[in-house]
N, C-alpha and C. Protein backbone atom coordinates (compact mmCIF):
# COMPACT_ATOMS: atom_id res chain seq x y z
N MET A 1 -34.80 56.65 6.01
CA MET A 1 -35.28 56.81 4.46
C MET A 1 -34.15 57.30 3.66
N ASN A 2 -33.18 58.15 4.25
CA ASN A 2 -32.03 58.46 3.46
C ASN A 2 -31.22 57.16 3.08
N TYR A 3 -31.13 56.19 3.98
CA TYR A 3 -30.26 55.16 3.93
C TYR A 3 -30.86 54.41 2.81
N LEU A 4 -32.10 54.08 2.53
CA LEU A 4 -32.84 53.30 1.75
C LEU A 4 -32.62 54.01 0.21
N LYS A 5 -32.66 55.42 0.28
CA LYS A 5 -32.52 56.08 -1.07
C LYS A 5 -31.05 55.79 -1.67
N LYS A 6 -30.08 56.02 -0.73
CA LYS A 6 -28.80 55.84 -0.98
C LYS A 6 -28.38 54.47 -1.36
N ASN A 7 -28.97 53.39 -0.86
CA ASN A 7 -28.57 51.92 -0.97
C ASN A 7 -29.49 51.33 -1.86
N SER A 8 -30.50 51.86 -2.12
CA SER A 8 -31.39 51.04 -3.11
C SER A 8 -30.56 50.77 -4.63
N ARG A 9 -31.02 49.57 -5.04
CA ARG A 9 -30.52 49.12 -6.28
C ARG A 9 -31.47 49.88 -7.42
N THR A 10 -30.80 49.87 -8.50
CA THR A 10 -31.48 50.44 -9.59
C THR A 10 -32.11 49.40 -10.32
N LYS A 11 -33.20 49.51 -10.66
CA LYS A 11 -34.12 48.26 -11.35
C LYS A 11 -33.88 48.49 -12.71
N VAL A 12 -33.66 47.50 -13.59
CA VAL A 12 -33.36 47.49 -15.03
C VAL A 12 -34.38 46.60 -15.53
N SER A 13 -35.28 46.89 -16.59
CA SER A 13 -35.99 45.94 -17.25
C SER A 13 -35.17 45.02 -18.16
N LEU A 14 -35.49 43.61 -17.93
CA LEU A 14 -35.03 42.71 -19.02
C LEU A 14 -34.76 42.98 -20.39
N ASP A 15 -36.00 43.68 -20.98
CA ASP A 15 -36.17 44.21 -22.14
C ASP A 15 -35.26 45.17 -22.69
N GLU A 16 -34.63 45.96 -21.63
CA GLU A 16 -33.50 47.01 -22.12
C GLU A 16 -32.18 46.55 -22.16
N VAL A 17 -32.02 45.44 -21.54
CA VAL A 17 -30.53 44.74 -21.38
C VAL A 17 -30.13 43.95 -22.80
N GLU A 18 -29.08 44.47 -23.28
CA GLU A 18 -28.65 43.50 -24.55
C GLU A 18 -27.80 42.59 -23.92
N TYR A 19 -28.05 41.41 -24.59
CA TYR A 19 -27.19 39.81 -24.26
C TYR A 19 -26.24 39.89 -25.16
N LYS A 20 -24.94 39.21 -24.57
CA LYS A 20 -24.05 39.12 -25.36
C LYS A 20 -23.57 37.53 -25.23
N ILE A 21 -23.11 36.87 -26.17
CA ILE A 21 -22.53 35.57 -26.09
C ILE A 21 -21.27 35.68 -25.64
N ALA A 22 -20.93 34.79 -24.52
CA ALA A 22 -19.68 35.04 -23.96
C ALA A 22 -18.68 34.59 -24.80
N ASP A 23 -18.86 33.36 -25.46
CA ASP A 23 -17.71 33.09 -26.42
C ASP A 23 -18.45 32.49 -27.79
N GLU A 24 -18.28 33.27 -28.70
CA GLU A 24 -18.99 32.58 -30.00
C GLU A 24 -17.96 31.49 -30.77
N LYS A 25 -16.69 31.36 -30.42
CA LYS A 25 -15.92 30.37 -30.87
C LYS A 25 -15.67 29.28 -30.07
N ILE A 26 -16.52 28.46 -29.66
CA ILE A 26 -16.38 27.42 -28.76
C ILE A 26 -15.98 26.37 -29.58
N ASP A 27 -14.95 25.68 -29.44
CA ASP A 27 -14.37 24.45 -30.03
C ASP A 27 -14.57 23.35 -29.46
N LEU A 28 -15.73 22.79 -29.86
CA LEU A 28 -16.14 21.35 -29.10
C LEU A 28 -14.94 20.20 -29.52
N ASN A 29 -14.81 20.30 -30.69
CA ASN A 29 -13.84 19.22 -31.37
C ASN A 29 -12.36 19.38 -30.66
N GLY A 30 -12.03 20.59 -30.40
CA GLY A 30 -10.75 20.51 -29.68
C GLY A 30 -10.96 20.21 -28.39
N HIS A 31 -12.02 20.58 -27.62
CA HIS A 31 -12.16 20.12 -26.39
C HIS A 31 -12.28 18.63 -26.23
N ILE A 32 -13.10 17.97 -27.03
CA ILE A 32 -13.20 16.45 -27.03
C ILE A 32 -11.84 15.88 -27.55
N ASP A 33 -11.03 16.37 -28.30
CA ASP A 33 -9.73 15.93 -28.64
C ASP A 33 -8.85 15.73 -27.21
N LYS A 34 -8.84 17.08 -26.61
CA LYS A 34 -7.92 17.14 -25.41
C LYS A 34 -8.45 16.22 -24.44
N THR A 35 -9.63 16.22 -24.01
CA THR A 35 -10.24 15.09 -23.27
C THR A 35 -9.76 13.63 -23.52
N PHE A 36 -9.89 13.27 -24.79
CA PHE A 36 -9.32 11.93 -25.36
C PHE A 36 -8.03 11.83 -25.04
N LEU A 37 -7.12 12.82 -25.32
CA LEU A 37 -5.65 12.62 -25.20
C LEU A 37 -5.32 12.66 -23.74
N LYS A 38 -6.06 13.24 -22.73
CA LYS A 38 -5.56 13.24 -21.44
C LYS A 38 -6.02 11.79 -20.92
N LYS A 39 -7.10 11.07 -21.23
CA LYS A 39 -7.59 9.70 -21.04
C LYS A 39 -6.30 8.70 -21.61
N GLU A 40 -5.79 9.22 -22.88
CA GLU A 40 -4.90 8.06 -23.36
C GLU A 40 -3.74 8.31 -22.57
N ILE A 41 -3.30 9.54 -22.33
CA ILE A 41 -1.89 9.80 -21.60
C ILE A 41 -2.00 9.14 -20.19
N GLY A 42 -3.26 9.43 -19.50
CA GLY A 42 -3.55 8.52 -18.32
C GLY A 42 -3.34 7.11 -18.24
N ARG A 43 -3.81 6.52 -19.48
CA ARG A 43 -3.65 5.17 -19.56
C ARG A 43 -2.35 4.58 -19.55
N CYS A 44 -1.55 5.32 -20.58
CA CYS A 44 0.10 5.16 -20.96
C CYS A 44 0.85 5.34 -19.53
N LEU A 45 0.17 6.29 -18.74
CA LEU A 45 0.94 6.59 -17.63
C LEU A 45 0.89 5.33 -16.62
N LYS A 46 -0.28 4.79 -16.79
CA LYS A 46 -0.42 3.59 -15.73
C LYS A 46 0.44 2.34 -16.24
N ASN A 47 0.85 2.43 -17.47
CA ASN A 47 1.58 1.03 -17.96
C ASN A 47 2.80 1.21 -18.04
N ILE A 48 3.62 2.45 -17.45
CA ILE A 48 5.10 2.69 -17.55
C ILE A 48 5.71 2.13 -16.04
N LYS A 49 6.98 2.10 -16.02
CA LYS A 49 7.61 1.93 -14.73
C LYS A 49 7.26 2.89 -13.56
N LEU A 50 7.21 2.18 -12.57
CA LEU A 50 6.99 3.16 -11.51
C LEU A 50 8.06 4.39 -11.10
N LYS A 51 9.19 3.97 -11.52
CA LYS A 51 10.31 5.07 -11.56
C LYS A 51 10.13 6.24 -12.31
N TYR A 52 9.45 5.93 -13.55
CA TYR A 52 9.13 6.99 -14.39
C TYR A 52 7.75 7.79 -13.78
N GLN A 53 6.80 6.64 -13.82
CA GLN A 53 5.42 7.21 -13.32
C GLN A 53 5.33 8.25 -11.99
N GLU A 54 6.10 7.87 -11.12
CA GLU A 54 5.95 8.82 -9.94
C GLU A 54 6.53 10.33 -10.13
N PRO A 55 7.68 10.46 -10.55
CA PRO A 55 8.10 11.89 -10.76
C PRO A 55 7.16 12.53 -11.86
N LEU A 56 6.51 12.03 -12.98
CA LEU A 56 5.60 12.48 -13.80
C LEU A 56 4.40 13.13 -12.99
N ILE A 57 3.94 12.04 -12.30
CA ILE A 57 2.50 12.35 -11.53
C ILE A 57 2.82 13.64 -10.63
N LEU A 58 3.97 13.59 -9.91
CA LEU A 58 4.38 14.72 -8.82
C LEU A 58 4.53 15.98 -9.59
N PHE A 59 5.07 16.00 -10.93
CA PHE A 59 5.54 17.25 -11.51
C PHE A 59 4.24 17.81 -12.12
N TYR A 60 3.54 16.81 -13.08
CA TYR A 60 2.70 17.48 -13.86
C TYR A 60 1.17 17.34 -13.19
N PHE A 61 0.90 16.55 -12.21
CA PHE A 61 -0.57 16.55 -11.61
C PHE A 61 -0.54 17.24 -10.30
N GLU A 62 0.61 17.01 -9.59
CA GLU A 62 0.69 17.62 -8.16
C GLU A 62 1.41 19.05 -8.07
N GLN A 63 2.08 19.45 -9.37
CA GLN A 63 2.69 20.70 -9.63
C GLN A 63 3.77 20.93 -8.55
N LYS A 64 4.56 19.82 -8.23
CA LYS A 64 5.83 19.85 -7.50
C LYS A 64 7.12 20.39 -8.14
N SER A 65 7.99 20.97 -7.74
CA SER A 65 9.24 21.45 -8.32
C SER A 65 10.21 20.41 -8.18
N TYR A 66 11.14 20.62 -9.15
CA TYR A 66 12.10 19.19 -9.06
C TYR A 66 12.75 19.16 -7.59
N GLU A 67 12.86 19.97 -7.10
CA GLU A 67 13.59 20.04 -5.59
C GLU A 67 12.47 19.18 -4.62
N GLU A 68 11.37 19.57 -4.84
CA GLU A 68 10.38 18.88 -3.93
C GLU A 68 10.24 17.37 -4.30
N ILE A 69 10.32 17.20 -5.34
CA ILE A 69 10.23 15.78 -6.09
C ILE A 69 11.61 15.04 -5.41
N SER A 70 12.57 15.58 -5.67
CA SER A 70 13.86 15.19 -5.06
C SER A 70 13.96 14.94 -3.72
N ASP A 71 13.16 15.60 -2.93
CA ASP A 71 13.00 15.32 -1.42
C ASP A 71 12.10 14.22 -1.09
N ILE A 72 11.08 14.16 -1.92
CA ILE A 72 10.01 12.97 -1.61
C ILE A 72 10.49 11.59 -2.08
N LEU A 73 11.11 11.66 -3.26
CA LEU A 73 11.65 10.48 -3.76
C LEU A 73 13.07 10.05 -3.22
N ARG A 74 13.77 11.04 -2.51
CA ARG A 74 15.01 10.85 -2.03
C ARG A 74 16.19 10.48 -3.18
N ILE A 75 15.99 11.34 -4.17
CA ILE A 75 16.96 11.00 -5.28
C ILE A 75 17.51 12.48 -5.69
N PRO A 76 18.61 12.58 -6.43
CA PRO A 76 19.23 13.86 -6.75
C PRO A 76 18.12 14.64 -7.68
N THR A 77 18.34 16.00 -7.73
CA THR A 77 17.45 16.74 -8.44
C THR A 77 17.88 16.47 -10.01
N SER A 78 18.87 16.31 -10.30
CA SER A 78 19.20 15.92 -11.85
C SER A 78 18.61 14.61 -12.24
N THR A 79 18.42 13.88 -11.36
CA THR A 79 17.83 12.36 -11.92
C THR A 79 16.45 12.58 -11.89
N VAL A 80 15.95 13.61 -11.21
CA VAL A 80 14.46 13.96 -11.36
C VAL A 80 14.11 14.34 -12.87
N GLY A 81 14.79 15.32 -13.33
CA GLY A 81 14.75 15.80 -14.62
C GLY A 81 14.67 14.60 -15.92
N THR A 82 16.15 14.01 -15.52
CA THR A 82 16.19 12.65 -16.37
C THR A 82 15.03 11.82 -16.38
N LEU A 83 14.31 11.33 -15.20
CA LEU A 83 13.45 10.43 -15.31
C LEU A 83 12.19 11.03 -15.90
N ILE A 84 11.76 12.43 -15.67
CA ILE A 84 10.73 13.04 -16.10
C ILE A 84 10.90 13.23 -17.89
N SER A 85 12.17 13.48 -18.23
CA SER A 85 12.32 13.45 -19.67
C SER A 85 12.25 12.06 -20.23
N ARG A 86 12.51 11.11 -19.81
CA ARG A 86 12.60 9.80 -20.24
C ARG A 86 10.93 9.14 -20.21
N GLY A 87 10.40 9.47 -19.22
CA GLY A 87 9.07 9.19 -18.82
C GLY A 87 8.19 9.78 -20.03
N LYS A 88 8.28 11.12 -20.26
CA LYS A 88 7.72 11.65 -21.29
C LYS A 88 7.96 11.17 -22.69
N LYS A 89 9.10 10.72 -22.78
CA LYS A 89 9.58 10.02 -24.05
C LYS A 89 8.93 8.65 -24.40
N ILE A 90 8.83 8.00 -23.27
CA ILE A 90 8.37 6.49 -23.27
C ILE A 90 6.67 6.80 -23.79
N ILE A 91 6.26 7.60 -22.89
CA ILE A 91 4.60 8.00 -23.30
C ILE A 91 4.24 8.37 -24.72
N LYS A 92 5.27 9.16 -25.16
CA LYS A 92 5.17 9.78 -26.46
C LYS A 92 5.39 8.67 -27.44
N GLU A 93 6.27 7.60 -27.30
CA GLU A 93 6.36 6.66 -28.19
C GLU A 93 5.21 5.45 -28.03
N LYS A 94 4.84 5.44 -26.93
CA LYS A 94 3.61 4.55 -27.13
C LYS A 94 2.47 5.26 -27.44
N LEU A 95 2.23 6.35 -27.54
CA LEU A 95 0.90 7.02 -28.21
C LEU A 95 1.00 7.01 -29.65
N GLU A 96 2.38 7.31 -30.15
CA GLU A 96 2.60 7.10 -31.73
C GLU A 96 2.49 5.73 -32.03
N LYS A 97 2.98 4.82 -31.25
CA LYS A 97 2.91 3.44 -31.84
C LYS A 97 1.52 2.89 -31.98
N GLU A 98 0.67 3.31 -31.02
CA GLU A 98 -0.73 2.99 -31.08
C GLU A 98 -1.55 3.43 -32.15
N LYS A 99 -0.99 4.62 -32.66
CA LYS A 99 -1.78 5.50 -33.73
C LYS A 99 -1.46 4.95 -35.16
N ILE A 100 -0.48 4.19 -35.25
CA ILE A 100 -0.21 3.39 -36.43
C ILE A 100 -0.80 2.34 -36.82
């Protein structure tokens, strides 16, 4: 009996509990824009050269470090940074070109 008294849960009526909305500022437009942008980036990523595509996928999607990418692709670490930078530039140019 003592065990049950100590470990019994307190019962609360649902009428006594105040409910709060978790997030009143849900931005559906921003969420839709981000989803659209991710799809567009993914589409552009498929249309660039493989030498730029691989480092970008490894870095942004698989969250690998430059050193890990360097080991995987068997290229110098400095080249990894250059390829990622150029790949981002190519994708940005394609996205801007399509919006015009």
